[in-house]
PDB file of N, CA and C in Angstrom:
ATOM      1  N   MET A   1      85.601  93.145  58.143  1.00  0.00           N
ATOM      2  CA  MET A   1      84.870  93.783  56.638  1.00  0.00           C
ATOM      3  C   MET A   1      84.191  94.730  56.819  1.00  0.00           C
ATOM      4  N   VAL A   2      83.992  95.671  56.170  1.00  0.00           N
ATOM      5  CA  VAL A   2      82.735  96.358  56.014  1.00  0.00           C
ATOM      6  C   VAL A   2      82.200  96.389  54.583  1.00  0.00           C
ATOM      7  N   ARG A   3      81.250  96.260  54.771  1.00  0.00           N
ATOM      8  CA  ARG A   3      80.537  96.039  53.365  1.00  0.00           C
ATOM      9  C   ARG A   3      80.020  97.365  52.686  1.00  0.00           C
ATOM     10  N   ALA A   4      79.785  97.646  51.081  1.00  0.00           N
ATOM     11  CA  ALA A   4      79.416  98.235  50.918  1.00  0.00           C
ATOM     12  C   ALA A   4      78.338  99.099  50.861  1.00  0.00           C
ATOM     13  N   THR A   5      77.442  98.515  50.653  1.00  0.00           N
ATOM     14  CA  THR A   5      76.101  98.615  51.201  1.00  0.00           C
ATOM     15  C   THR A   5      75.284  97.249  52.192  1.00  0.00           C
ATOM     16  N   LEU A   6      74.512  97.449  53.115  1.00  0.00           N
ATOM     17  CA  LEU A   6      73.984  96.941  54.168  1.00  0.00           C
ATOM     18  C   LEU A   6      72.662  96.628  53.656  1.00  0.00           C
ATOM     19  N   ARG A   7      71.840  97.258  52.572  1.00  0.00           N
ATOM     20  CA  ARG A   7      70.850  96.912  51.776  1.00  0.00           C
ATOM     21  C   ARG A   7      70.627  95.790  51.773  1.00  0.00           C
ATOM     22  N   LYS A   8      69.405  94.617  51.770  1.00  0.00           N
ATOM     23  CA  LYS A   8      69.468  93.612  51.606  1.00  0.00           C
ATOM     24  C   LYS A   8      68.494  93.523  50.218  1.00  0.00           C
ATOM     25  N   ASP A   9      69.042  93.799  49.081  1.00  0.00           N
ATOM     26  CA  ASP A   9      68.075  93.733  47.735  1.00  0.00           C
ATOM     27  C   ASP A   9      68.174  92.725  46.721  1.00  0.00           C
ATOM     28  N   HIS A  10      68.873  91.586  47.432  1.00  0.00           N
ATOM     29  CA  HIS A  10      68.630  90.178  46.391  1.00  0.00           C
ATOM     30  C   HIS A  10      68.680  89.268  47.437  1.00  0.00           C
ATOM     31  N   PRO A  11      67.406  88.225  47.491  1.00  0.00           N
ATOM     32  CA  PRO A  11      67.181  87.685  48.116  1.00  0.00           C
ATOM     33  C   PRO A  11      68.039  86.473  47.787  1.00  0.00           C
ATOM     34  N   LEU A  12      68.204  85.508  48.436  1.00  0.00           N
ATOM     35  CA  LEU A  12      68.788  84.281  48.096  1.00  0.00           C
ATOM     36  C   LEU A  12      68.229  82.769  49.029  1.00  0.00           C
ATOM     37  N   SER A  13      67.817  82.218  48.078  1.00  0.00           N
ATOM     38  CA  SER A  13      67.173  80.965  48.888  1.00  0.00           C
ATOM     39  C   SER A  13      67.430  79.596  48.708  1.00  0.00           C
ATOM     40  N   MET A  14      68.074  78.631  49.651  1.00  0.00           N
ATOM     41  CA  MET A  14      68.640  77.311  49.344  1.00  0.00           C
ATOM     42  C   MET A  14      68.437  76.334  49.513  1.00  0.00           C
ATOM     43  N   ARG A  15      68.119  75.042  49.275  1.00  0.00           N
ATOM     44  CA  ARG A  15      67.679  73.693  49.440  1.00  0.00           C
ATOM     45  C   ARG A  15      68.696  73.074  50.002  1.00  0.00           C
ATOM     46  N   LEU A  16      68.809  72.902  50.979  1.00  0.00           N
ATOM     47  CA  LEU A  16      69.723  72.034  51.453  1.00  0.00           C
ATOM     48  C   LEU A  16      69.409  70.892  52.764  1.00  0.00           C
ATOM     49  N   PRO A  17      69.724  69.474  52.693  1.00  0.00           N
ATOM     50  CA  PRO A  17      69.725  68.275  53.820  1.00  0.00           C
ATOM     51  C   PRO A  17      69.582  69.056  54.899  1.00  0.00           C
ATOM     52  N   ASP A  18      68.947  68.067  56.047  1.00  0.00           N
ATOM     53  CA  ASP A  18      68.362  68.530  57.434  1.00  0.00           C
ATOM     54  C   ASP A  18      69.776  68.590  57.837  1.00  0.00           C
ATOM     55  N   ALA A  19      70.642  67.672  57.963  1.00  0.00           N
ATOM     56  CA  ALA A  19      72.202  67.185  58.111  1.00  0.00           C
ATOM     57  C   ALA A  19      72.931  68.723  58.356  1.00  0.00           C
ATOM     58  N   ASP A  20      72.811  69.669  56.930  1.00  0.00           N
ATOM     59  CA  ASP A  20      74.040  70.196  56.324  1.00  0.00           C
ATOM     60  C   ASP A  20      73.211  71.732  56.893  1.00  0.00           C
ATOM     61  N   ILE A  21      71.821  71.946  57.313  1.00  0.00           N
ATOM     62  CA  ILE A  21      71.678  72.943  58.481  1.00  0.00           C
ATOM     63  C   ILE A  21      71.820  72.397  59.465  1.00  0.00           C
ATOM     64  N   ALA A  22      71.781  71.976  59.836  1.00  0.00           N
ATOM     65  CA  ALA A  22      72.195  71.321  61.611  1.00  0.00           C
ATOM     66  C   ALA A  22      73.852  71.764  61.989  1.00  0.00           C
ATOM     67  N   ILE A  23      74.540  71.346  60.583  1.00  0.00           N
ATOM     68  CA  ILE A  23      76.156  71.717  61.360  1.00  0.00           C
ATOM     69  C   ILE A  23      76.254  73.136  61.158  1.00  0.00           C
ATOM     70  N   ILE A  24      75.334  73.922  60.515  1.00  0.00           N
ATOM     71  CA  ILE A  24      75.435  75.288  60.015  1.00  0.00           C
ATOM     72  C   ILE A  24      74.542  75.719  60.891  1.00  0.00           C
ATOM     73  N   ASP A  25      73.626  75.765  61.942  1.00  0.00           N
ATOM     74  CA  ASP A  25      73.644  76.204  62.874  1.00  0.00           C
ATOM     75  C   ASP A  25      74.000  75.675  64.136  1.00  0.00           C
ATOM     76  N   ARG A  26      75.234  74.662  64.317  1.00  0.00           N
ATOM     77  CA  ARG A  26      75.560  74.711  65.059  1.00  0.00           C
ATOM     78  C   ARG A  26      77.399  75.908  65.390  1.00  0.00           C
ATOM     79  N   ALA A  27      77.649  75.911  64.158  1.00  0.00           N
ATOM     80  CA  ALA A  27      78.326  76.338  63.698  1.00  0.00           C
ATOM     81  C   ALA A  27      78.170  77.963  63.743  1.00  0.00           C
ATOM     82  N   ALA A  28      77.508  78.596  63.785  1.00  0.00           N
ATOM     83  CA  ALA A  28      77.047  79.762  63.749  1.00  0.00           C
ATOM     84  C   ALA A  28      76.460  80.175  65.345  1.00  0.00           C
ATOM     85  N   SER A  29      76.113  79.156  66.145  1.00  0.00           N
ATOM     86  CA  SER A  29      75.519  79.707  67.131  1.00  0.00           C
ATOM     87  C   SER A  29      76.951  79.462  68.433  1.00  0.00           C
ATOM     88  N   LEU A  30      77.692  78.427  67.715  1.00  0.00           N
ATOM     89  CA  LEU A  30      79.419  78.733  68.112  1.00  0.00           C
ATOM     90  C   LEU A  30      79.364  80.230  68.121  1.00  0.00           C
ATOM     91  N   ARG A  31      79.845  80.701  67.380  1.00  0.00           N
ATOM     92  CA  ARG A  31      79.871  82.234  66.472  1.00  0.00           C
ATOM     93  C   ARG A  31      79.497  83.404  67.159  1.00  0.00           C
ATOM     94  N   GLY A  32      78.020  82.946  67.683  1.00  0.00           N
ATOM     95  CA  GLY A  32      76.821  84.112  68.011  1.00  0.00           C
ATOM     96  C   GLY A  32      76.407  84.815  67.201  1.00  0.00           C
ATOM     97  N   ARG A  33      75.569  83.953  66.133  1.00  0.00           N
ATOM     98  CA  ARG A  33      75.602  84.499  65.064  1.00  0.00           C
ATOM     99  C   ARG A  33      74.030  83.671  64.477  1.00  0.00           C
ATOM    100  N   SER A  34      73.862  84.801  63.617  1.00  0.00           N
ATOM    101  CA  SER A  34      72.749  83.762  62.534  1.00  0.00           C
ATOM    102  C   SER A  34      72.816  82.650  61.634  1.00  0.00           C
ATOM    103  N   ARG A  35      71.838  82.169  61.164  1.00  0.00           N
ATOM    104  CA  ARG A  35      72.204  80.947  59.933  1.00  0.00           C
ATOM    105  C   ARG A  35      72.528  82.105  58.787  1.00  0.00           C
ATOM    106  N   THR A  36      71.507  83.400  58.698  1.00  0.00           N
ATOM    107  CA  THR A  36      71.396  83.824  57.975  1.00  0.00           C
ATOM    108  C   THR A  36      73.478  84.644  57.719  1.00  0.00           C
ATOM    109  N   GLU A  37      73.530  85.531  58.891  1.00  0.00           N
ATOM    110  CA  GLU A  37      74.615  86.097  59.160  1.00  0.00           C
ATOM    111  C   GLU A  37      75.958  85.397  59.002  1.00  0.00           C
ATOM    112  N   PHE A  38      75.884  83.899  59.138  1.00  0.00           N
ATOM    113  CA  PHE A  38      77.117  82.861  59.754  1.00  0.00           C
ATOM    114  C   PHE A  38      77.298  82.548  57.907  1.00  0.00           C
ATOM    115  N   MET A  39      76.263  82.018  57.322  1.00  0.00           N
ATOM    116  CA  MET A  39      76.108  81.791  55.679  1.00  0.00           C
ATOM    117  C   MET A  39      76.778  83.014  54.685  1.00  0.00           C
ATOM    118  N   ARG A  40      76.405  84.058  55.259  1.00  0.00           N
ATOM    119  CA  ARG A  40      76.583  85.306  54.617  1.00  0.00           C
ATOM    120  C   ARG A  40      78.151  85.464  54.205  1.00  0.00           C
ATOM    121  N   ASP A  41      78.321  85.327  55.396  1.00  0.00           N
ATOM    122  CA  ASP A  41      80.113  85.777  56.061  1.00  0.00           C
ATOM    123  C   ASP A  41      80.779  84.844  55.351  1.00  0.00           C
ATOM    124  N   ALA A  42      80.533  82.993  55.093  1.00  0.00           N
ATOM    125  CA  ALA A  42      81.247  82.170  54.590  1.00  0.00           C
ATOM    126  C   ALA A  42      81.196  82.210  53.284  1.00  0.00           C
ATOM    127  N   ALA A  43      79.759  82.256  52.536  1.00  0.00           N
ATOM    128  CA  ALA A  43      80.026  82.663  51.247  1.00  0.00           C
ATOM    129  C   ALA A  43      80.697  83.814  50.366  1.00  0.00           C
ATOM    130  N   VAL A  44      80.819  84.593  51.082  1.00  0.00           N
ATOM    131  CA  VAL A  44      81.595  85.880  51.034  1.00  0.00           C
ATOM    132  C   VAL A  44      83.069  85.462  50.888  1.00  0.00           C
ATOM    133  N   ARG A  45      83.789  85.003  51.887  1.00  0.00           N
ATOM    134  CA  ARG A  45      85.204  84.905  52.299  1.00  0.00           C
ATOM    135  C   ARG A  45      85.184  83.892  51.505  1.00  0.00           C
ATOM    136  N   THR A  46      84.637  83.155  51.314  1.00  0.00           N
ATOM    137  CA  THR A  46      85.013  82.203  50.031  1.00  0.00           C
ATOM    138  C   THR A  46      85.079  82.792  48.529  1.00  0.00           C
ATOM    139  N   ALA A  47      84.196  83.388  48.517  1.00  0.00           N
ATOM    140  CA  ALA A  47      84.326  84.266  47.528  1.00  0.00           C
ATOM    141  C   ALA A  47      85.436  85.084  47.100  1.00  0.00           C
ATOM    142  N   GLU A  48      85.972  85.942  48.100  1.00  0.00           N
ATOM    143  CA  GLU A  48      86.850  86.867  48.211  1.00  0.00           C
ATOM    144  C   GLU A  48      88.329  85.895  48.189  1.00  0.00           C
ATOM    145  N   GLU A  49      88.434  84.754  48.474  1.00  0.00           N
ATOM    146  CA  GLU A  49      89.358  84.021  48.494  1.00  0.00           C
ATOM    147  C   GLU A  49      90.055  83.634  47.287  1.00  0.00           C
ATOM    148  N   VAL A  50      88.607  83.176  46.126  1.00  0.00           N
ATOM    149  CA  VAL A  50      88.323  82.813  44.929  1.00  0.00           C
ATOM    150  C   VAL A  50      89.219  84.010  44.261  1.00  0.00           C
ATOM    151  N   ILE A  51      88.616  85.396  44.331  1.00  0.00           N
ATOM    152  CA  ILE A  51      89.010  86.267  43.647  1.00  0.00           C
ATOM    153  C   ILE A  51      90.713  86.572  43.296  1.00  0.00           C
ATOM    154  N   MET A  52      91.144  86.312  44.898  1.00  0.00           N
ATOM    155  CA  MET A  52      92.201  86.550  45.039  1.00  0.00           C
ATOM    156  C   MET A  52      93.096  85.261  44.273  1.00  0.00           C
ATOM    157  N   GLU A  53      92.916  84.403  44.065  1.00  0.00           N
ATOM    158  CA  GLU A  53      93.693  83.084  43.880  1.00  0.00           C
ATOM    159  C   GLU A  53      94.051  83.265  42.099  1.00  0.00           C
ATOM    160  N   ASN A  54      92.855  84.395  41.606  1.00  0.00           N
ATOM    161  CA  ASN A  54      92.613  84.465  40.240  1.00  0.00           C
ATOM    162  C   ASN A  54      93.122  85.796  40.310  1.00  0.00           C
ATOM    163  N   THR A  55      93.423  86.572  40.720  1.00  0.00           N
ATOM    164  CA  THR A  55      93.882  87.490  40.336  1.00  0.00           C
ATOM    165  C   THR A  55      95.486  88.001  39.969  1.00  0.00           C
ATOM    166  N   ILE A  56      95.425  88.740  38.951  1.00  0.00           N
ATOM    167  CA  ILE A  56      96.535  88.919  38.350  1.00  0.00           C
ATOM    168  C   ILE A  56      97.071  89.723  39.156  1.00  0.00           C
ATOM    169  N   ILE A  57      98.835  89.465  39.890  1.00  0.00           N
ATOM    170  CA  ILE A  57      99.328  90.797  40.382  1.00  0.00           C
ATOM    171  C   ILE A  57     100.524  91.423  39.568  1.00  0.00           C
ATOM    172  N   ARG A  58     100.321  92.848  39.054  1.00  0.00           N
ATOM    173  CA  ARG A  58     101.532  93.305  38.413  1.00  0.00           C
ATOM    174  C   ARG A  58     102.137  94.514  39.132  1.00  0.00           C
ATOM    175  N   MET A  59     103.462  93.708  38.319  1.00  0.00           N
ATOM    176  CA  MET A  59     104.503  94.755  38.822  1.00  0.00           C
ATOM    177  C   MET A  59     105.670  95.188  37.454  1.00  0.00           C
ATOM    178  N   SER A  60     105.905  96.080  38.417  1.00  0.00           N
ATOM    179  CA  SER A  60     107.073  96.650  37.475  1.00  0.00           C
ATOM    180  C   SER A  60     107.845  95.703  36.649  1.00  0.00           C
ATOM    181  N   PRO A  61     108.938  95.735  36.024  1.00  0.00           N
ATOM    182  CA  PRO A  61     110.112  94.550  35.542  1.00  0.00           C
ATOM    183  C   PRO A  61     111.074  94.766  36.348  1.00  0.00           C
ATOM    184  N   GLU A  62     111.042  96.338  37.018  1.00  0.00           N
ATOM    185  CA  GLU A  62     112.031  96.152  38.416  1.00  0.00           C
ATOM    186  C   GLU A  62     111.542  95.299  39.141  1.00  0.00           C
ATOM    187  N   GLY A  63     110.647  95.482  39.776  1.00  0.00           N
ATOM    188  CA  GLY A  63     109.730  94.691  40.958  1.00  0.00           C
ATOM    189  C   GLY A  63     109.696  93.917  40.847  1.00  0.00           C
ATOM    190  N   PHE A  64     109.594  92.815  39.487  1.00  0.00           N
ATOM    191  CA  PHE A  64     109.769  91.309  39.380  1.00  0.00           C
ATOM    192  C   PHE A  64     110.944  90.836  39.408  1.00  0.00           C
ATOM    193  N   GLU A  65     112.227  92.016  39.212  1.00  0.00           N
ATOM    194  CA  GLU A  65     113.546  91.259  39.032  1.00  0.00           C
ATOM    195  C   GLU A  65     113.965  91.266  40.500  1.00  0.00           C
ATOM    196  N   ALA A  66     114.043  92.188  41.313  1.00  0.00           N
ATOM    197  CA  ALA A  66     114.000  91.636  42.499  1.00  0.00           C
ATOM    198  C   ALA A  66     113.499  90.904  43.220  1.00  0.00           C
ATOM    199  N   PHE A  67     111.790  90.677  42.927  1.00  0.00           N
ATOM    200  CA  PHE A  67     111.144  89.244  43.655  1.00  0.00           C
ATOM    201  C   PHE A  67     111.725  88.077  43.302  1.00  0.00           C
ATOM    202  N   VAL A  68     112.209  88.021  41.892  1.00  0.00           N
ATOM    203  CA  VAL A  68     112.634  86.912  41.548  1.00  0.00           C
ATOM    204  C   VAL A  68     114.569  86.759  42.074  1.00  0.00           C
ATOM    205  N   ASP A  69     114.674  88.181  42.017  1.00  0.00           N
ATOM    206  CA  ASP A  69     116.134  87.633  42.807  1.00  0.00           C
ATOM    207  C   ASP A  69     116.109  87.348  44.741  1.00  0.00           C
ATOM    208  N   LEU A  70     115.192  87.789  45.176  1.00  0.00           N
ATOM    209  CA  LEU A  70     115.068  87.112  46.353  1.00  0.00           C
ATOM    210  C   LEU A  70     114.701  85.721  46.849  1.00  0.00           C
ATOM    211  N   LEU A  71     113.905  85.025  45.559  1.00  0.00           N
ATOM    212  CA  LEU A  71     113.420  83.812  45.481  1.00  0.00           C
ATOM    213  C   LEU A  71     114.936  83.121  45.488  1.00  0.00           C
ATOM    214  N   ASN A  72     115.707  83.595  44.614  1.00  0.00           N
ATOM    215  CA  ASN A  72     116.895  82.823  43.780  1.00  0.00           C
ATOM    216  C   ASN A  72     117.778  82.369  45.091  1.00  0.00           C
ATOM    217  N   ARG A  73     117.887  83.668  45.970  1.00  0.00           N
ATOM    218  CA  ARG A  73     119.168  83.407  46.737  1.00  0.00           C
ATOM    219  C   ARG A  73     118.978  82.273  48.011  1.00  0.00           C
ATOM    220  N   PRO A  74     120.229  81.809  48.195  1.00  0.00           N
ATOM    221  CA  PRO A  74     120.323  80.210  49.488  1.00  0.00           C
ATOM    222  C   PRO A  74     119.333  81.006  50.664  1.00  0.00           C
ATOM    223  N   ALA A  75     118.884  80.279  50.375  1.00  0.00           N
ATOM    224  CA  ALA A  75     117.993  80.459  52.072  1.00  0.00           C
ATOM    225  C   ALA A  75     118.888  79.905  53.394  1.00  0.00           C
ATOM    226  N   SER A  76     118.345  80.882  54.443  1.00  0.00           N
ATOM    227  CA  SER A  76     119.144  80.800  55.698  1.00  0.00           C
ATOM    228  C   SER A  76     118.281  80.605  56.793  1.00  0.00           C
ATOM    229  N   PRO A  77     118.750  79.899  57.335  1.00  0.00           N
ATOM    230  CA  PRO A  77     118.423  79.132  58.619  1.00  0.00           C
ATOM    231  C   PRO A  77     117.837  79.864  59.285  1.00  0.00           C
ATOM    232  N   VAL A  78     116.293  79.528  60.183  1.00  0.00           N
ATOM    233  CA  VAL A  78     116.039  79.876  60.638  1.00  0.00           C
ATOM    234  C   VAL A  78     115.868  79.863  62.269  1.00  0.00           C
ATOM    235  N   PRO A  79     116.677  80.637  63.265  1.00  0.00           N
ATOM    236  CA  PRO A  79     117.275  79.611  64.666  1.00  0.00           C
ATOM    237  C   PRO A  79     115.864  78.697  65.115  1.00  0.00           C
ATOM    238  N   GLU A  80     114.556  79.294  65.121  1.00  0.00           N
ATOM    239  CA  GLU A  80     113.699  79.084  65.862  1.00  0.00           C
ATOM    240  C   GLU A  80     112.976  77.869  65.068  1.00  0.00           C
ATOM    241  N   MET A  81     112.961  77.760  63.747  1.00  0.00           N
ATOM    242  CA  MET A  81     112.891  76.849  63.268  1.00  0.00           C
ATOM    243  C   MET A  81     113.967  75.220  63.157  1.00  0.00           C
ATOM    244  N   VAL A  82     115.451  75.822  63.439  1.00  0.00           N
ATOM    245  CA  VAL A  82     116.733  74.726  63.805  1.00  0.00           C
ATOM    246  C   VAL A  82     115.920  73.952  64.977  1.00  0.00           C
ATOM    247  N   ALA A  83     115.849  74.725  66.165  1.00  0.00           N
ATOM    248  CA  ALA A  83     115.489  74.114  67.619  1.00  0.00           C
ATOM    249  C   ALA A  83     114.427  73.405  67.834  1.00  0.00           C
ATOM    250  N   LEU A  84     113.212  73.828  66.697  1.00  0.00           N
ATOM    251  CA  LEU A  84     112.022  72.829  67.102  1.00  0.00           C
ATOM    252  C   LEU A  84     112.407  71.948  65.940  1.00  0.00           C
ATOM    253  N   LEU A  85     112.918  71.549  64.873  1.00  0.00           N
ATOM    254  CA  LEU A  85     112.995  70.355  64.337  1.00  0.00           C
ATOM    255  C   LEU A  85     114.283  69.478  64.714  1.00  0.00           C
ATOM    256  N   ARG A  86     114.748  70.111  65.628  1.00  0.00           N
ATOM    257  CA  ARG A  86     115.828  69.061  66.612  1.00  0.00           C
ATOM    258  C   ARG A  86     114.946  68.956  67.658  1.00  0.00           C
ATOM    259  N   ARG A  87     113.720  68.977  67.912  1.00  0.00           N
ATOM    260  CA  ARG A  87     113.183  68.864  69.432  1.00  0.00           C
ATOM    261  C   ARG A  87     112.750  67.072  68.996  1.00  0.00           C
ATOM    262  N   PRO A  88     113.453  66.125  70.051  1.00  0.00           N
ATOM    263  CA  PRO A  88     112.232  64.788  69.913  1.00  0.00           C
ATOM    264  C   PRO A  88     111.076  65.106  69.533  1.00  0.00           C
ATOM    265  N   ALA A  89     110.327  64.235  68.306  1.00  0.00           N
ATOM    266  CA  ALA A  89     108.682  64.355  68.658  1.00  0.00           C
ATOM    267  C   ALA A  89     108.454  63.583  70.249  1.00  0.00           C
ATOM    268  N   PRO A  90     107.218  63.863  70.253  1.00  0.00           N
ATOM    269  CA  PRO A  90     106.438  63.550  71.625  1.00  0.00           C
ATOM    270  C   PRO A  90     106.455  61.985  71.598  1.00  0.00           C
ATOM    271  N   TRP A  91     106.196  61.527  70.534  1.00  0.00           N
ATOM    272  CA  TRP A  91     106.680  59.893  70.635  1.00  0.00           C
ATOM    273  C   TRP A  91     107.521  59.062  70.663  1.00  0.00           C
ATOM    274  N   GLU A  92     108.834  59.782  70.524  1.00  0.00           N
ATOM    275  CA  GLU A  92     110.115  59.548  70.738  1.00  0.00           C
ATOM    276  C   GLU A  92     110.737  60.216  72.154  1.00  0.00           C
ATOM    277  N   SER A  93     109.893  59.798  72.907  1.00  0.00           N
ATOM    278  CA  SER A  93     110.899  61.098  74.248  1.00  0.00           C
ATOM    279  C   SER A  93     111.295  59.331  75.009  1.00  0.00           C
ATOM    280  N   LYS A  94     112.040  59.718  76.221  1.00  0.00           N
ATOM    281  CA  LYS A  94     113.279  58.734  76.270  1.00  0.00           C
ATOM    282  C   LYS A  94     112.852  57.707  76.853  1.00  0.00           C
ATOM    283  N   GLY A  95     111.981  57.378  77.392  1.00  0.00           N
ATOM    284  CA  GLY A  95     111.117  56.416  77.933  1.00  0.00           C
ATOM    285  C   GLY A  95     110.543  55.379  77.388  1.00  0.00           C
ATOM    286  N   THR A  96     110.504  55.748  76.477  1.00  0.00           N
ATOM    287  CA  THR A  96     109.792  54.616  75.109  1.00  0.00           C
ATOM    288  C   THR A  96     110.794  53.594  74.792  1.00  0.00           C
ATOM    289  N   THR A  97     110.877  52.238  74.374  1.00  0.00           N
ATOM    290  CA  THR A  97     111.802  51.673  73.252  1.00  0.00           C
ATOM    291  C   THR A  97     110.900  51.182  72.334  1.00  0.00           C
ATOM    292  N   LYS A  98     111.849  51.053  71.311  1.00  0.00           N
ATOM    293  CA  LYS A  98     111.063  50.651  70.103  1.00  0.00           C
ATOM    294  C   LYS A  98     110.611  48.972  69.748  1.00  0.00           C
TER     295      LYS A  98
END
């Protein structure tokens, strides 16, 4: 993701319990990031998700009609999903008894 600006004009300070800092530091280390980079990325990603969840999607009446038409069509089986669902679960192997 490309940020519009790399300037750091707005400092942010948070007070967190030691347990929260420990888990954040561990995750940041696993990603090879600093705590600040990790927290900034996590906060921005979450903010973007919230905005997307609350953004109105606009489309033409024709586009909406085509969208609803697709939703109203009967579902067609996906061969890969059918094969997957026909496989026995690992706990249902032939060598086990009930």
